[in-house]
Amino acid sequence: MPKTKEQKKQILDNLQEKLASSKAVVFSSDSGVTVQSVAALRKELRNSGAEYLVAKKTLLRMATKDVSGDSQVENLRGSVGLVLSYDDEISGAKIANKFAKTNEAFVLSGGILEGAFILPDMVQKLATLPTKDQLLAKLVGTLNSPISGMVGVLSGVPRSFVAVLSAIKEKK
């Protein structure tokens, strides 16, 4: 049964709201992907603060008319899968890239990052970046390194002093 104009307007408003609240969006072609694998993808995305939904190209074109850059919506075929990342920019792209490697029918076709369209190769690069938690762990390790070195140097002086006293004791 065809949708009424009011239903389409409501879907468009919902799509625009989700695009505005997401930090990054990855476009994909989902034709040929099984329902079970999409359900597994949705579950994994939900656990990482992202969402997967399918939209028609015409509605997506209208929802992304304010996005800068060359629109890639025209190049997409059929219905378009959208991976919307709400927590950070990288998590959705990582999960979508991993899913695309295991499912040949799932093809990454670009996306939106910081209010501009990005190409599929940029999505691949985005997926290889470390996550926010990994970057924070590296920062803590880097900040902790000089302190650990200083503790080692400072504990070396008393250790050497005790070794000298022990050597003197054994000599006498």
C-alpha atoms as a PDB file:
ATOM      1  CA  MET A   1       0.000   0.000   0.000  1.00  0.00           C
ATOM      2  CA  PRO A   2       1.515   3.358  -1.002  1.00  0.00           C
ATOM      3  CA  LYS A   3       2.380   5.863   1.689  1.00  0.00           C
ATOM      4  CA  THR A   4       0.486   9.130   1.953  1.00  0.00           C
ATOM      5  CA  LYS A   5       2.221  12.481   1.706  1.00  0.00           C
ATOM      6  CA  GLU A   6       1.815  12.950   5.442  1.00  0.00           C
ATOM      7  CA  GLN A   7       3.530   9.608   6.149  1.00  0.00           C
ATOM      8  CA  LYS A   8       6.371  10.481   3.774  1.00  0.00           C
ATOM      9  CA  LYS A   9       6.740  13.899   5.435  1.00  0.00           C
ATOM     10  CA  GLN A  10       6.926  12.220   8.832  1.00  0.00           C
ATOM     11  CA  ILE A  11       9.550   9.737   7.570  1.00  0.00           C
ATOM     12  CA  LEU A  12      11.549  12.605   6.051  1.00  0.00           C
ATOM     13  CA  ASP A  13      11.439  14.603   9.299  1.00  0.00           C
ATOM     14  CA  ASN A  14      12.553  11.542  11.257  1.00  0.00           C
ATOM     15  CA  LEU A  15      15.405  10.910   8.810  1.00  0.00           C
ATOM     16  CA  GLN A  16      16.547  14.548   8.943  1.00  0.00           C
ATOM     17  CA  GLU A  17      16.493  14.460  12.739  1.00  0.00           C
ATOM     18  CA  LYS A  18      18.596  11.287  12.846  1.00  0.00           C
ATOM     19  CA  LEU A  19      21.083  12.662  10.304  1.00  0.00           C
ATOM     20  CA  ALA A  20      21.422  15.886  12.302  1.00  0.00           C
ATOM     21  CA  SER A  21      22.028  14.075  15.593  1.00  0.00           C
ATOM     22  CA  SER A  22      24.575  11.605  14.222  1.00  0.00           C
ATOM     23  CA  LYS A  23      28.296  12.342  14.194  1.00  0.00           C
ATOM     24  CA  ALA A  24      28.963  10.247  11.098  1.00  0.00           C
ATOM     25  CA  VAL A  25      26.912   8.405   8.485  1.00  0.00           C
ATOM     26  CA  VAL A  26      28.020   5.545   6.237  1.00  0.00           C
ATOM     27  CA  PHE A  27      26.033   4.716   3.081  1.00  0.00           C
ATOM     28  CA  SER A  28      25.788   1.123   1.942  1.00  0.00           C
ATOM     29  CA  SER A  29      24.069  -1.003  -0.649  1.00  0.00           C
ATOM     30  CA  ASP A  30      22.114  -3.704   1.083  1.00  0.00           C
ATOM     31  CA  SER A  31      20.575  -5.614  -1.820  1.00  0.00           C
ATOM     32  CA  GLY A  32      21.426  -9.298  -1.557  1.00  0.00           C
ATOM     33  CA  VAL A  33      22.117  -9.246   2.189  1.00  0.00           C
ATOM     34  CA  THR A  34      20.119 -11.705   4.267  1.00  0.00           C
ATOM     35  CA  VAL A  35      17.731 -10.575   6.974  1.00  0.00           C
ATOM     36  CA  GLN A  36      19.595 -12.592   9.614  1.00  0.00           C
ATOM     37  CA  SER A  37      22.919 -10.923   8.837  1.00  0.00           C
ATOM     38  CA  VAL A  38      21.314  -7.446   8.882  1.00  0.00           C
ATOM     39  CA  ALA A  39      19.753  -8.292  12.262  1.00  0.00           C
ATOM     40  CA  ALA A  40      23.195  -9.271  13.578  1.00  0.00           C
ATOM     41  CA  LEU A  41      24.640  -6.026  12.177  1.00  0.00           C
ATOM     42  CA  ARG A  42      21.885  -3.977  13.835  1.00  0.00           C
ATOM     43  CA  LYS A  43      22.520  -5.666  17.182  1.00  0.00           C
ATOM     44  CA  GLU A  44      26.257  -5.027  17.018  1.00  0.00           C
ATOM     45  CA  LEU A  45      25.690  -1.394  16.008  1.00  0.00           C
ATOM     46  CA  ARG A  46      23.147  -0.874  18.791  1.00  0.00           C
ATOM     47  CA  ASN A  47      25.702  -2.127  21.342  1.00  0.00           C
ATOM     48  CA  SER A  48      28.230   0.468  20.162  1.00  0.00           C
ATOM     49  CA  GLY A  49      25.895   3.483  20.075  1.00  0.00           C
ATOM     50  CA  ALA A  50      25.042   3.366  16.375  1.00  0.00           C
ATOM     51  CA  GLU A  51      22.024   2.470  14.272  1.00  0.00           C
ATOM     52  CA  TYR A  52      21.288   0.903  10.899  1.00  0.00           C
ATOM     53  CA  LEU A  53      18.277   1.889   8.838  1.00  0.00           C
ATOM     54  CA  VAL A  54      17.186   1.697   5.236  1.00  0.00           C
ATOM     55  CA  ALA A  55      15.881   4.700   3.298  1.00  0.00           C
ATOM     56  CA  LYS A  56      14.729   5.398  -0.229  1.00  0.00           C
ATOM     57  CA  LYS A  57      17.058   7.462  -2.390  1.00  0.00           C
ATOM     58  CA  THR A  58      14.488  10.197  -3.017  1.00  0.00           C
ATOM     59  CA  LEU A  59      13.906  10.753   0.702  1.00  0.00           C
ATOM     60  CA  LEU A  60      17.640  10.577   1.408  1.00  0.00           C
ATOM     61  CA  ARG A  61      18.303  13.113  -1.352  1.00  0.00           C
ATOM     62  CA  MET A  62      15.804  15.515   0.224  1.00  0.00           C
ATOM     63  CA  ALA A  63      17.196  14.910   3.736  1.00  0.00           C
ATOM     64  CA  THR A  64      20.804  15.596   2.653  1.00  0.00           C
ATOM     65  CA  LYS A  65      20.197  18.670   0.496  1.00  0.00           C
ATOM     66  CA  ASP A  66      21.993  20.892   3.061  1.00  0.00           C
ATOM     67  CA  VAL A  67      25.119  18.713   3.211  1.00  0.00           C
ATOM     68  CA  SER A  68      28.141  20.254   1.485  1.00  0.00           C
ATOM     69  CA  GLY A  69      30.211  18.514  -1.162  1.00  0.00           C
ATOM     70  CA  ASP A  70      29.341  16.358  -4.140  1.00  0.00           C
ATOM     71  CA  SER A  71      26.225  14.331  -3.399  1.00  0.00           C
ATOM     72  CA  GLN A  72      26.795  10.601  -3.654  1.00  0.00           C
ATOM     73  CA  VAL A  73      23.125   9.763  -3.256  1.00  0.00           C
ATOM     74  CA  GLU A  74      22.684   9.803  -7.043  1.00  0.00           C
ATOM     75  CA  ASN A  75      25.333   7.083  -7.469  1.00  0.00           C
ATOM     76  CA  LEU A  76      23.650   4.690  -5.051  1.00  0.00           C
ATOM     77  CA  ARG A  77      21.414   1.914  -6.370  1.00  0.00           C
ATOM     78  CA  GLY A  78      18.105   0.744  -4.932  1.00  0.00           C
ATOM     79  CA  SER A  79      17.354   1.364  -1.308  1.00  0.00           C
ATOM     80  CA  VAL A  80      20.229   2.698   0.728  1.00  0.00           C
ATOM     81  CA  GLY A  81      21.425   1.379   4.066  1.00  0.00           C
ATOM     82  CA  LEU A  82      22.553   4.025   6.531  1.00  0.00           C
ATOM     83  CA  VAL A  83      24.874   3.390   9.460  1.00  0.00           C
ATOM     84  CA  LEU A  84      24.357   6.305  11.853  1.00  0.00           C
ATOM     85  CA  SER A  85      27.023   6.755  14.561  1.00  0.00           C
ATOM     86  CA  TYR A  86      25.782   8.732  17.549  1.00  0.00           C
ATOM     87  CA  ASP A  87      28.537   8.287  20.151  1.00  0.00           C
ATOM     88  CA  ASP A  88      31.669   8.708  18.050  1.00  0.00           C
ATOM     89  CA  GLU A  89      32.589   9.024  14.402  1.00  0.00           C
ATOM     90  CA  ILE A  90      34.548   5.797  14.099  1.00  0.00           C
ATOM     91  CA  SER A  91      32.557   2.980  15.709  1.00  0.00           C
ATOM     92  CA  GLY A  92      29.839   2.708  13.046  1.00  0.00           C
ATOM     93  CA  ALA A  93      32.352   2.818  10.203  1.00  0.00           C
ATOM     94  CA  LYS A  94      34.471   0.109  11.862  1.00  0.00           C
ATOM     95  CA  ILE A  95      31.525  -2.234  12.315  1.00  0.00           C
ATOM     96  CA  ALA A  96      30.188  -1.577   8.787  1.00  0.00           C
ATOM     97  CA  ASN A  97      33.647  -2.164   7.287  1.00  0.00           C
ATOM     98  CA  LYS A  98      34.039  -5.436   9.199  1.00  0.00           C
ATOM     99  CA  PHE A  99      30.559  -6.518   8.068  1.00  0.00           C
ATOM    100  CA  ALA A 100      31.361  -5.592   4.440  1.00  0.00           C
ATOM    101  CA  LYS A 101      34.450  -7.827   4.539  1.00  0.00           C
ATOM    102  CA  THR A 102      32.359 -10.850   5.495  1.00  0.00           C
ATOM    103  CA  ASN A 103      29.389 -10.084   3.180  1.00  0.00           C
ATOM    104  CA  GLU A 104      30.227  -9.340  -0.459  1.00  0.00           C
ATOM    105  CA  ALA A 105      26.708  -8.017  -1.136  1.00  0.00           C
ATOM    106  CA  PHE A 106      27.135  -5.290   1.491  1.00  0.00           C
ATOM    107  CA  VAL A 107      29.091  -2.508  -0.255  1.00  0.00           C
ATOM    108  CA  LEU A 108      30.159   0.727   1.433  1.00  0.00           C
ATOM    109  CA  SER A 109      29.309   3.657  -0.830  1.00  0.00           C
ATOM    110  CA  GLY A 110      30.528   6.752   0.989  1.00  0.00           C
ATOM    111  CA  GLY A 111      29.004   8.758   3.786  1.00  0.00           C
ATOM    112  CA  ILE A 112      28.750  12.021   5.672  1.00  0.00           C
ATOM    113  CA  LEU A 113      31.326  13.292   8.162  1.00  0.00           C
ATOM    114  CA  GLU A 114      31.296  16.727   9.798  1.00  0.00           C
ATOM    115  CA  GLY A 115      28.534  17.977   7.531  1.00  0.00           C
ATOM    116  CA  ALA A 116      30.198  16.996   4.240  1.00  0.00           C
ATOM    117  CA  PHE A 117      30.016  13.993   1.940  1.00  0.00           C
ATOM    118  CA  ILE A 118      32.983  11.622   2.012  1.00  0.00           C
ATOM    119  CA  LEU A 119      34.056   9.058  -0.568  1.00  0.00           C
ATOM    120  CA  PRO A 120      34.138   5.283   0.018  1.00  0.00           C
ATOM    121  CA  ASP A 121      37.937   5.277   0.397  1.00  0.00           C
ATOM    122  CA  MET A 122      37.598   7.859   3.184  1.00  0.00           C
ATOM    123  CA  VAL A 123      35.127   5.538   4.923  1.00  0.00           C
ATOM    124  CA  GLN A 124      37.770   2.783   4.706  1.00  0.00           C
ATOM    125  CA  LYS A 125      40.374   5.114   6.244  1.00  0.00           C
ATOM    126  CA  LEU A 126      37.928   6.186   8.946  1.00  0.00           C
ATOM    127  CA  ALA A 127      37.314   2.528   9.797  1.00  0.00           C
ATOM    128  CA  THR A 128      41.038   1.910  10.328  1.00  0.00           C
ATOM    129  CA  LEU A 129      41.450   4.720  12.864  1.00  0.00           C
ATOM    130  CA  PRO A 130      41.683   3.737  16.526  1.00  0.00           C
ATOM    131  CA  THR A 131      38.587   4.279  18.640  1.00  0.00           C
ATOM    132  CA  LYS A 132      38.254   7.009  21.236  1.00  0.00           C
ATOM    133  CA  ASP A 133      38.947   4.543  24.062  1.00  0.00           C
ATOM    134  CA  GLN A 134      42.095   3.279  22.328  1.00  0.00           C
ATOM    135  CA  LEU A 135      43.344   6.841  21.817  1.00  0.00           C
ATOM    136  CA  LEU A 136      42.668   7.690  25.464  1.00  0.00           C
ATOM    137  CA  ALA A 137      44.573   4.578  26.566  1.00  0.00           C
ATOM    138  CA  LYS A 138      47.541   5.609  24.412  1.00  0.00           C
ATOM    139  CA  LEU A 139      47.414   9.111  25.886  1.00  0.00           C
ATOM    140  CA  VAL A 140      47.391   7.774  29.443  1.00  0.00           C
ATOM    141  CA  GLY A 141      50.302   5.471  28.601  1.00  0.00           C
ATOM    142  CA  THR A 142      52.243   8.355  27.088  1.00  0.00           C
ATOM    143  CA  LEU A 143      51.565  10.578  30.088  1.00  0.00           C
ATOM    144  CA  ASN A 144      52.466   7.762  32.494  1.00  0.00           C
ATOM    145  CA  SER A 145      55.752   6.912  30.747  1.00  0.00           C
ATOM    146  CA  PRO A 146      57.879   9.776  32.157  1.00  0.00           C
ATOM    147  CA  ILE A 147      56.512   9.133  35.649  1.00  0.00           C
ATOM    148  CA  SER A 148      57.388   5.425  35.403  1.00  0.00           C
ATOM    149  CA  GLY A 149      60.872   6.307  34.213  1.00  0.00           C
ATOM    150  CA  MET A 150      61.352   8.758  37.063  1.00  0.00           C
ATOM    151  CA  VAL A 151      60.242   6.138  39.606  1.00  0.00           C
ATOM    152  CA  GLY A 152      62.754   3.699  38.119  1.00  0.00           C
ATOM    153  CA  VAL A 153      65.588   6.234  38.334  1.00  0.00           C
ATOM    154  CA  LEU A 154      64.715   7.304  41.869  1.00  0.00           C
ATOM    155  CA  SER A 155      64.421   3.713  43.102  1.00  0.00           C
ATOM    156  CA  GLY A 156      67.765   2.896  41.480  1.00  0.00           C
ATOM    157  CA  VAL A 157      69.735   5.153  43.857  1.00  0.00           C
ATOM    158  CA  PRO A 158      68.629   3.425  47.096  1.00  0.00           C
ATOM    159  CA  ARG A 159      68.975   0.026  45.394  1.00  0.00           C
ATOM    160  CA  SER A 160      72.576   0.823  44.434  1.00  0.00           C
ATOM    161  CA  PHE A 161      73.287   2.142  47.951  1.00  0.00           C
ATOM    162  CA  VAL A 162      71.967  -1.085  49.509  1.00  0.00           C
ATOM    163  CA  ALA A 163      74.041  -3.136  47.060  1.00  0.00           C
ATOM    164  CA  VAL A 164      77.197  -1.214  48.044  1.00  0.00           C
ATOM    165  CA  LEU A 165      76.472  -1.683  51.760  1.00  0.00           C
ATOM    166  CA  SER A 166      75.846  -5.382  51.167  1.00  0.00           C
ATOM    167  CA  ALA A 167      79.147  -5.728  49.321  1.00  0.00           C
ATOM    168  CA  ILE A 168      81.002  -3.965  52.159  1.00  0.00           C
ATOM    169  CA  LYS A 169      79.339  -6.263  54.721  1.00  0.00           C
ATOM    170  CA  GLU A 170      80.360  -9.391  52.811  1.00  0.00           C
ATOM    171  CA  LYS A 171      83.918  -8.109  52.415  1.00  0.00           C
ATOM    172  CA  LYS A 172      84.369  -7.638  56.172  1.00  0.00           C
END
